[in-house]
Amino acid sequence: MDSNGRSASHWVALPLDLAWGFVLVTLLCLATGWLAGPPVLFYLLTVALYLCVCGLVSRAWPENRDFGWANRATLLRGCLVIVLFALAPFAEHLTDNLWLYGWMALLALILDGVDGKVARATGSESDFGARFDMEMDALFILGLSIAVLALGKAGIWVLALGLIRYAFVAAGHFADWLNAPLPDSFRRKTICVWQIVTLLVAVLPPINSLFASTTLATALALLVWSFFVDIHWLYQRRHHHDVQ
């Protein structure tokens, strides 16, 4: 996507990009329904989530500008993440199809790095693209947390892995200094990947609850520490943010 205002000679209207995304979500739903037989609520939740994403993207994306291949890569992964999220509450009914869920989650994890590489290759990095990617990561992590809980691999505390980030965003509405931009962090990216990997492994059939709970508790401890470091960094610079 061209975030710097450069107009492309050939661009595709955003509704067309969102339309192919809807087609892809529909095909993934049909394939999942044929293989796993989830309840009707799965389909309703999938459609509701995709429409919500469409609404947020349409609100944030400027008119008359091409969506860009980097954002299309994020949307592609987002379609897979949405289906995984909608399927998560019914994970305990998947039985043998849990391996399919695991492979789908692994594909979503692999695709996570594609949009960034495309953005760098095309010189189209942007705040929107970074935020879009981050929101898909957050939804992916929350969905996997719900799946782990549904499978009984860990207690309700496992949802904290997916909810802490949303709590941080909500806190920003009351403490504006939390909304200041954070510098890029290898620590933050590494812990995010570790969260996803531990959650992904936890949903696999051979993994028992003891191993899953231990690794996920470690991931949660690292996540809490990472947020503490970032919040402390923002707090120390809160006056500078207020002046701006």
Protein backbone atom coordinates (compact mmCIF):
# COMPACT_ATOMS: atom_id res chain seq x y z
CA MET A 1 0.00 0.00 0.00
CA ASP A 2 1.20 3.46 -0.75
CA SER A 3 1.08 5.17 2.61
CA ASN A 4 2.96 8.26 1.53
CA GLY A 5 0.27 9.61 -0.73
CA ARG A 6 1.78 8.47 -4.01
CA SER A 7 -0.95 7.62 -6.48
CA ALA A 8 -0.64 4.38 -8.40
CA SER A 9 -1.26 4.25 -12.14
CA HIS A 10 -3.41 1.17 -11.64
CA TRP A 11 -5.30 0.65 -8.44
CA VAL A 12 -8.09 -1.62 -7.28
CA ALA A 13 -11.02 -0.22 -5.32
CA LEU A 14 -11.03 -1.39 -1.69
CA PRO A 15 -14.49 -3.06 -1.95
CA LEU A 16 -13.06 -5.43 -4.57
CA ASP A 17 -10.25 -6.49 -2.23
CA LEU A 18 -12.72 -7.00 0.60
CA ALA A 19 -14.95 -8.96 -1.78
CA TRP A 20 -12.27 -11.53 -2.68
CA GLY A 21 -11.52 -11.78 1.02
CA PHE A 22 -15.16 -12.64 1.65
CA VAL A 23 -15.04 -15.29 -1.08
CA LEU A 24 -11.94 -16.80 0.52
CA VAL A 25 -13.52 -16.81 3.99
CA THR A 26 -16.60 -18.51 2.50
CA LEU A 27 -14.50 -21.21 0.84
CA LEU A 28 -12.54 -21.80 4.05
CA CYS A 29 -15.82 -22.07 5.97
CA LEU A 30 -17.22 -24.59 3.52
CA ALA A 31 -14.04 -26.67 3.60
CA THR A 32 -13.91 -26.57 7.40
CA GLY A 33 -17.60 -27.45 7.62
CA TRP A 34 -17.14 -30.44 5.32
CA LEU A 35 -14.11 -31.75 7.25
CA ALA A 36 -15.00 -30.90 10.85
CA GLY A 37 -18.77 -30.38 10.92
CA PRO A 38 -18.87 -27.41 13.32
CA PRO A 39 -22.21 -25.98 14.56
CA VAL A 40 -24.08 -23.21 12.75
CA LEU A 41 -22.76 -20.67 15.25
CA PHE A 42 -19.31 -21.14 13.70
CA TYR A 43 -20.54 -19.79 10.36
CA LEU A 44 -22.37 -16.87 11.97
CA LEU A 45 -19.33 -15.93 14.02
CA THR A 46 -17.06 -16.12 10.98
CA VAL A 47 -19.27 -13.79 8.92
CA ALA A 48 -19.68 -11.36 11.82
CA LEU A 49 -15.92 -11.19 12.38
CA TYR A 50 -15.15 -10.63 8.71
CA LEU A 51 -17.77 -7.90 8.39
CA CYS A 52 -16.31 -6.24 11.49
CA VAL A 53 -12.83 -6.31 9.92
CA CYS A 54 -14.26 -4.87 6.69
CA GLY A 55 -15.88 -2.04 8.61
CA LEU A 56 -12.71 -1.14 10.50
CA VAL A 57 -10.53 -1.34 7.38
CA SER A 58 -12.97 0.77 5.35
CA ARG A 59 -13.02 3.38 8.08
CA ALA A 60 -9.23 3.61 8.34
CA TRP A 61 -8.28 3.30 4.66
CA PRO A 62 -8.43 6.45 2.49
CA GLU A 63 -10.51 6.43 -0.66
CA ASN A 64 -9.05 6.34 -4.16
CA ARG A 65 -5.88 4.54 -3.19
CA ASP A 66 -4.77 1.04 -4.00
CA PHE A 67 -4.83 -1.32 -1.02
CA GLY A 68 -1.38 -2.64 -1.92
CA TRP A 69 0.05 -6.14 -2.04
CA ALA A 70 1.39 -6.00 1.51
CA ASN A 71 -2.07 -5.31 2.91
CA ARG A 72 -3.54 -7.95 0.63
CA ALA A 73 -1.11 -10.45 2.16
CA THR A 74 -2.31 -9.40 5.62
CA LEU A 75 -5.92 -9.74 4.50
CA LEU A 76 -5.17 -13.22 3.16
CA ARG A 77 -3.75 -14.26 6.53
CA GLY A 78 -6.61 -12.46 8.26
CA CYS A 79 -9.17 -14.63 6.47
CA LEU A 80 -7.45 -17.73 7.85
CA VAL A 81 -7.17 -16.20 11.33
CA ILE A 82 -10.87 -15.31 11.37
CA VAL A 83 -11.86 -18.90 10.54
CA LEU A 84 -9.51 -20.23 13.20
CA PHE A 85 -10.91 -17.80 15.77
CA ALA A 86 -14.52 -18.72 14.96
CA LEU A 87 -13.64 -22.43 15.23
CA ALA A 88 -11.75 -22.06 18.54
CA PRO A 89 -14.74 -22.29 20.94
CA PHE A 90 -15.67 -25.64 19.36
CA ALA A 91 -12.15 -27.12 19.44
CA GLU A 92 -13.14 -29.85 21.88
CA HIS A 93 -15.52 -31.28 19.26
CA LEU A 94 -12.87 -31.46 16.52
CA THR A 95 -11.27 -34.73 17.79
CA ASP A 96 -9.15 -36.05 14.89
CA ASN A 97 -9.50 -32.74 13.05
CA LEU A 98 -7.38 -31.02 15.69
CA TRP A 99 -4.40 -31.79 13.46
CA LEU A 100 -6.12 -29.85 10.69
CA TYR A 101 -6.62 -26.95 13.09
CA GLY A 102 -2.94 -27.13 14.01
CA TRP A 103 -1.82 -27.12 10.37
CA MET A 104 -4.07 -24.15 9.61
CA ALA A 105 -2.62 -22.28 12.57
CA LEU A 106 0.92 -23.12 11.44
CA LEU A 107 0.12 -21.74 7.97
CA ALA A 108 -1.19 -18.53 9.55
CA LEU A 109 2.04 -18.24 11.55
CA ILE A 110 4.18 -18.75 8.43
CA LEU A 111 2.19 -16.13 6.53
CA ASP A 112 2.80 -13.65 9.34
CA GLY A 113 6.16 -12.68 7.87
CA VAL A 114 5.00 -12.36 4.27
CA ASP A 115 3.30 -8.96 4.47
CA GLY A 116 6.32 -7.31 6.07
CA LYS A 117 8.64 -8.64 3.39
CA VAL A 118 6.28 -7.48 0.64
CA ALA A 119 6.01 -4.03 2.22
CA ARG A 120 9.78 -3.66 2.42
CA ALA A 121 10.27 -4.97 -1.12
CA THR A 122 7.76 -2.49 -2.52
CA GLY A 123 8.71 0.41 -0.26
CA SER A 124 5.15 0.57 1.07
CA GLU A 125 5.61 0.35 4.84
CA SER A 126 2.97 2.34 6.70
CA ASP A 127 1.39 2.86 10.10
CA PHE A 128 -1.84 1.37 8.77
CA GLY A 129 -0.10 -1.77 7.52
CA ALA A 130 1.74 -2.24 10.82
CA ARG A 131 -1.50 -1.77 12.79
CA PHE A 132 -3.45 -4.10 10.48
CA ASP A 133 -0.81 -6.79 10.94
CA MET A 134 -0.77 -6.25 14.71
CA GLU A 135 -4.54 -6.58 15.00
CA MET A 136 -4.47 -9.87 13.09
CA ASP A 137 -1.74 -11.12 15.43
CA ALA A 138 -3.83 -10.13 18.45
CA LEU A 139 -6.92 -11.89 17.09
CA PHE A 140 -4.85 -14.97 16.25
CA ILE A 141 -3.42 -15.18 19.78
CA LEU A 142 -6.82 -14.68 21.43
CA GLY A 143 -8.35 -17.36 19.19
CA LEU A 144 -5.63 -19.87 20.07
CA SER A 145 -6.08 -19.04 23.77
CA ILE A 146 -9.80 -19.80 23.48
CA ALA A 147 -9.02 -23.09 21.70
CA VAL A 148 -6.62 -24.14 24.48
CA LEU A 149 -9.26 -23.33 27.10
CA ALA A 150 -11.96 -25.21 25.16
CA LEU A 151 -9.69 -28.26 25.02
CA GLY A 152 -9.09 -28.14 28.77
CA LYS A 153 -5.31 -27.90 28.30
CA ALA A 154 -5.13 -24.90 30.67
CA GLY A 155 -7.39 -22.92 33.00
CA ILE A 156 -9.24 -19.71 32.23
CA TRP A 157 -6.05 -17.78 33.04
CA VAL A 158 -4.77 -18.72 29.58
CA LEU A 159 -7.11 -16.10 28.11
CA ALA A 160 -4.81 -13.47 29.62
CA LEU A 161 -2.36 -14.26 26.79
CA GLY A 162 -4.89 -12.91 24.32
CA LEU A 163 -6.55 -10.23 26.44
CA ILE A 164 -3.58 -8.31 27.87
CA ARG A 165 -2.99 -6.44 24.64
CA TYR A 166 -6.67 -5.43 24.43
CA ALA A 167 -6.54 -4.30 28.06
CA PHE A 168 -3.52 -2.14 27.20
CA VAL A 169 -5.42 -0.54 24.29
CA ALA A 170 -8.45 0.08 26.54
CA ALA A 171 -6.22 1.68 29.18
CA GLY A 172 -5.00 4.11 26.53
CA HIS A 173 -8.46 5.71 26.52
CA PHE A 174 -7.94 6.75 30.15
CA ALA A 175 -4.19 7.42 30.14
CA ASP A 176 -3.27 9.16 26.90
CA TRP A 177 0.46 8.73 27.45
CA LEU A 178 0.02 5.00 26.79
CA ASN A 179 -0.82 5.86 23.17
CA ALA A 180 2.63 7.25 22.42
CA PRO A 181 4.51 5.24 19.76
CA LEU A 182 6.90 2.57 20.97
CA PRO A 183 10.25 1.92 19.29
CA ASP A 184 10.74 -1.31 17.37
CA SER A 185 11.67 -4.11 19.73
CA PHE A 186 13.20 -7.51 19.02
CA ARG A 187 12.10 -8.52 22.52
CA ARG A 188 8.47 -7.72 21.76
CA LYS A 189 8.48 -9.58 18.43
CA THR A 190 10.23 -12.62 19.92
CA ILE A 191 7.76 -12.93 22.79
CA CYS A 192 4.84 -12.56 20.37
CA VAL A 193 6.15 -15.47 18.30
CA TRP A 194 6.77 -17.49 21.46
CA GLN A 195 3.16 -16.89 22.53
CA ILE A 196 1.83 -18.17 19.22
CA VAL A 197 4.15 -21.18 19.12
CA THR A 198 3.33 -22.32 22.66
CA LEU A 199 -0.40 -21.89 22.02
CA LEU A 200 -0.16 -23.71 18.70
CA VAL A 201 1.70 -26.63 20.26
CA ALA A 202 -0.76 -26.76 23.17
CA VAL A 203 -3.75 -27.48 20.90
CA LEU A 204 -2.14 -30.55 19.32
CA PRO A 205 -3.61 -33.89 20.47
CA PRO A 206 -0.39 -35.46 21.89
CA ILE A 207 0.27 -32.52 24.24
CA ASN A 208 -0.99 -33.07 27.78
CA SER A 209 -2.34 -30.34 30.06
CA LEU A 210 0.75 -30.32 32.33
CA PHE A 211 3.17 -29.58 29.51
CA ALA A 212 0.77 -27.08 27.92
CA SER A 213 0.14 -25.23 31.17
CA THR A 214 3.84 -25.03 31.99
CA THR A 215 4.90 -23.61 28.65
CA LEU A 216 1.93 -21.24 28.49
CA ALA A 217 2.59 -19.98 32.01
CA THR A 218 6.14 -19.20 30.90
CA ALA A 219 4.80 -17.34 27.86
CA LEU A 220 2.42 -15.38 30.08
CA ALA A 221 5.20 -14.43 32.49
CA LEU A 222 7.34 -13.19 29.58
CA LEU A 223 4.39 -11.26 28.16
CA VAL A 224 3.65 -9.54 31.47
CA TRP A 225 7.32 -8.61 31.82
CA SER A 226 7.39 -7.25 28.25
CA PHE A 227 4.33 -5.08 28.84
CA PHE A 228 5.81 -3.86 32.12
CA VAL A 229 8.99 -2.77 30.31
CA ASP A 230 7.00 -0.92 27.64
CA ILE A 231 4.62 0.73 30.10
CA HIS A 232 7.54 1.85 32.26
CA TRP A 233 9.25 3.31 29.18
CA LEU A 234 6.08 5.20 28.22
CA TYR A 235 5.52 6.41 31.78
CA GLN A 236 9.00 7.91 32.00
CA ARG A 237 8.28 9.90 28.83
CA ARG A 238 4.67 10.84 29.61
CA HIS A 239 5.41 14.54 30.13
CA HIS A 240 7.10 14.79 26.74
CA HIS A 241 4.01 13.18 25.18
CA ASP A 242 1.72 15.68 26.98
CA VAL A 243 3.75 18.61 25.64
CA GLN A 244 3.38 17.32 22.09
